[in-house]
Amino acid sequence: MSLYEYRCYDCRARFTLQRQMEERNDPATCPVCGSAAKRIISVPQDWRGVWRQPRDAEVLRRTKEIWE
Protein backbone atom coordinates (compact mmCIF):
# COMPACT_ATOMS: atom_id res chain seq x y z
CA MET A 1 0.00 0.00 0.00
CA SER A 2 1.19 3.50 -0.84
CA LEU A 3 0.38 7.03 0.28
CA TYR A 4 -1.44 9.26 -2.19
CA GLU A 5 -2.35 12.93 -1.89
CA TYR A 6 -5.83 14.24 -2.68
CA ARG A 7 -7.54 17.64 -2.94
CA CYS A 8 -11.24 18.25 -2.31
CA TYR A 9 -13.29 19.84 -5.10
CA ASP A 10 -15.41 21.92 -2.69
CA CYS A 11 -13.37 22.99 0.35
CA ARG A 12 -9.92 22.66 -1.34
CA ALA A 13 -8.58 20.65 1.62
CA ARG A 14 -5.48 18.54 0.98
CA PHE A 15 -5.09 15.14 2.61
CA THR A 16 -3.28 11.83 2.16
CA LEU A 17 -4.67 8.32 2.07
CA GLN A 18 -3.01 4.94 2.17
CA ARG A 19 -4.46 2.89 -0.69
CA GLN A 20 -3.76 0.00 -3.01
CA MET A 21 -2.20 0.98 -6.35
CA GLU A 22 -5.34 -0.17 -8.18
CA GLU A 23 -7.42 2.32 -6.16
CA ARG A 24 -5.12 5.34 -6.50
CA ASN A 25 -7.18 7.13 -9.20
CA ASP A 26 -10.55 6.35 -7.64
CA PRO A 27 -12.28 9.39 -6.11
CA ALA A 28 -11.76 9.76 -2.38
CA THR A 29 -14.08 11.21 0.25
CA CYS A 30 -12.88 14.44 1.86
CA PRO A 31 -12.48 14.03 5.65
CA VAL A 32 -13.41 17.72 6.18
CA CYS A 33 -16.63 18.14 4.21
CA GLY A 34 -17.42 14.67 2.83
CA SER A 35 -17.31 15.71 -0.85
CA ALA A 36 -15.46 13.98 -3.66
CA ALA A 37 -11.71 14.56 -3.90
CA LYS A 38 -9.28 14.03 -6.77
CA ARG A 39 -5.74 12.67 -6.55
CA ILE A 40 -3.02 15.24 -7.11
CA ILE A 41 0.63 14.78 -7.99
CA SER A 42 2.97 16.27 -5.40
CA VAL A 43 6.39 17.65 -6.20
CA PRO A 44 9.12 17.55 -3.56
CA GLN A 45 9.79 20.89 -1.88
CA ASP A 46 13.42 21.12 -3.00
CA TRP A 47 12.80 20.13 -6.65
CA ARG A 48 14.16 22.91 -8.85
CA GLY A 49 13.35 21.68 -12.34
CA VAL A 50 15.58 21.48 -15.38
CA TRP A 51 15.05 25.11 -16.38
CA ARG A 52 16.80 26.54 -13.30
CA GLN A 53 20.38 27.62 -13.88
CA PRO A 54 23.06 26.61 -11.37
CA ARG A 55 23.92 29.37 -8.96
CA ASP A 56 27.01 31.49 -9.18
CA ALA A 57 29.71 30.72 -6.58
CA GLU A 58 29.47 34.28 -5.15
CA VAL A 59 25.71 33.93 -4.61
CA LEU A 60 26.24 30.59 -2.85
CA ARG A 61 28.92 32.10 -0.60
CA ARG A 62 26.67 35.02 0.42
CA THR A 63 23.74 32.69 1.07
CA LYS A 64 25.91 30.48 3.25
CA GLU A 65 27.07 33.50 5.28
CA ILE A 66 23.47 34.53 5.93
CA TRP A 67 22.53 31.14 7.36
CA GLU A 68 25.63 30.64 9.53
C-alpha atoms as a PDB file:
ATOM      1  CA  MET A   1       0.000   0.000   0.000  1.00  0.00           C
ATOM      2  CA  SER A   2       1.191   3.499  -0.836  1.00  0.00           C
ATOM      3  CA  LEU A   3       0.379   7.030   0.282  1.00  0.00           C
ATOM      4  CA  TYR A   4      -1.445   9.257  -2.194  1.00  0.00           C
ATOM      5  CA  GLU A   5      -2.345  12.927  -1.889  1.00  0.00           C
ATOM      6  CA  TYR A   6      -5.834  14.240  -2.680  1.00  0.00           C
ATOM      7  CA  ARG A   7      -7.539  17.637  -2.940  1.00  0.00           C
ATOM      8  CA  CYS A   8     -11.240  18.246  -2.313  1.00  0.00           C
ATOM      9  CA  TYR A   9     -13.295  19.841  -5.102  1.00  0.00           C
ATOM     10  CA  ASP A  10     -15.413  21.919  -2.688  1.00  0.00           C
ATOM     11  CA  CYS A  11     -13.369  22.992   0.346  1.00  0.00           C
ATOM     12  CA  ARG A  12      -9.921  22.657  -1.341  1.00  0.00           C
ATOM     13  CA  ALA A  13      -8.580  20.650   1.625  1.00  0.00           C
ATOM     14  CA  ARG A  14      -5.480  18.540   0.976  1.00  0.00           C
ATOM     15  CA  PHE A  15      -5.094  15.135   2.608  1.00  0.00           C
ATOM     16  CA  THR A  16      -3.281  11.834   2.162  1.00  0.00           C
ATOM     17  CA  LEU A  17      -4.672   8.318   2.071  1.00  0.00           C
ATOM     18  CA  GLN A  18      -3.012   4.942   2.167  1.00  0.00           C
ATOM     19  CA  ARG A  19      -4.459   2.892  -0.692  1.00  0.00           C
ATOM     20  CA  GLN A  20      -3.761   0.001  -3.006  1.00  0.00           C
ATOM     21  CA  MET A  21      -2.202   0.983  -6.349  1.00  0.00           C
ATOM     22  CA  GLU A  22      -5.338  -0.171  -8.181  1.00  0.00           C
ATOM     23  CA  GLU A  23      -7.424   2.323  -6.157  1.00  0.00           C
ATOM     24  CA  ARG A  24      -5.122   5.340  -6.504  1.00  0.00           C
ATOM     25  CA  ASN A  25      -7.178   7.126  -9.197  1.00  0.00           C
ATOM     26  CA  ASP A  26     -10.554   6.353  -7.640  1.00  0.00           C
ATOM     27  CA  PRO A  27     -12.282   9.395  -6.113  1.00  0.00           C
ATOM     28  CA  ALA A  28     -11.764   9.757  -2.377  1.00  0.00           C
ATOM     29  CA  THR A  29     -14.081  11.212   0.249  1.00  0.00           C
ATOM     30  CA  CYS A  30     -12.875  14.437   1.864  1.00  0.00           C
ATOM     31  CA  PRO A  31     -12.477  14.030   5.650  1.00  0.00           C
ATOM     32  CA  VAL A  32     -13.406  17.717   6.182  1.00  0.00           C
ATOM     33  CA  CYS A  33     -16.632  18.140   4.207  1.00  0.00           C
ATOM     34  CA  GLY A  34     -17.419  14.668   2.828  1.00  0.00           C
ATOM     35  CA  SER A  35     -17.311  15.710  -0.853  1.00  0.00           C
ATOM     36  CA  ALA A  36     -15.458  13.980  -3.665  1.00  0.00           C
ATOM     37  CA  ALA A  37     -11.713  14.565  -3.900  1.00  0.00           C
ATOM     38  CA  LYS A  38      -9.282  14.031  -6.768  1.00  0.00           C
ATOM     39  CA  ARG A  39      -5.743  12.670  -6.553  1.00  0.00           C
ATOM     40  CA  ILE A  40      -3.015  15.242  -7.106  1.00  0.00           C
ATOM     41  CA  ILE A  41       0.630  14.781  -7.993  1.00  0.00           C
ATOM     42  CA  SER A  42       2.968  16.265  -5.403  1.00  0.00           C
ATOM     43  CA  VAL A  43       6.393  17.646  -6.199  1.00  0.00           C
ATOM     44  CA  PRO A  44       9.117  17.548  -3.558  1.00  0.00           C
ATOM     45  CA  GLN A  45       9.790  20.890  -1.881  1.00  0.00           C
ATOM     46  CA  ASP A  46      13.418  21.118  -3.003  1.00  0.00           C
ATOM     47  CA  TRP A  47      12.804  20.132  -6.654  1.00  0.00           C
ATOM     48  CA  ARG A  48      14.158  22.914  -8.854  1.00  0.00           C
ATOM     49  CA  GLY A  49      13.352  21.682 -12.343  1.00  0.00           C
ATOM     50  CA  VAL A  50      15.581  21.483 -15.380  1.00  0.00           C
ATOM     51  CA  TRP A  51      15.055  25.114 -16.378  1.00  0.00           C
ATOM     52  CA  ARG A  52      16.802  26.544 -13.300  1.00  0.00           C
ATOM     53  CA  GLN A  53      20.377  27.618 -13.876  1.00  0.00           C
ATOM     54  CA  PRO A  54      23.056  26.607 -11.371  1.00  0.00           C
ATOM     55  CA  ARG A  55      23.919  29.372  -8.965  1.00  0.00           C
ATOM     56  CA  ASP A  56      27.005  31.495  -9.176  1.00  0.00           C
ATOM     57  CA  ALA A  57      29.714  30.723  -6.577  1.00  0.00           C
ATOM     58  CA  GLU A  58      29.474  34.283  -5.153  1.00  0.00           C
ATOM     59  CA  VAL A  59      25.714  33.926  -4.611  1.00  0.00           C
ATOM     60  CA  LEU A  60      26.240  30.588  -2.848  1.00  0.00           C
ATOM     61  CA  ARG A  61      28.921  32.104  -0.599  1.00  0.00           C
ATOM     62  CA  ARG A  62      26.669  35.018   0.415  1.00  0.00           C
ATOM     63  CA  THR A  63      23.740  32.686   1.073  1.00  0.00           C
ATOM     64  CA  LYS A  64      25.908  30.479   3.247  1.00  0.00           C
ATOM     65  CA  GLU A  65      27.067  33.501   5.285  1.00  0.00           C
ATOM     66  CA  ILE A  66      23.468  34.531   5.929  1.00  0.00           C
ATOM     67  CA  TRP A  67      22.527  31.140   7.361  1.00  0.00           C
ATOM     68  CA  GLU A  68      25.630  30.639   9.529  1.00  0.00           C
END
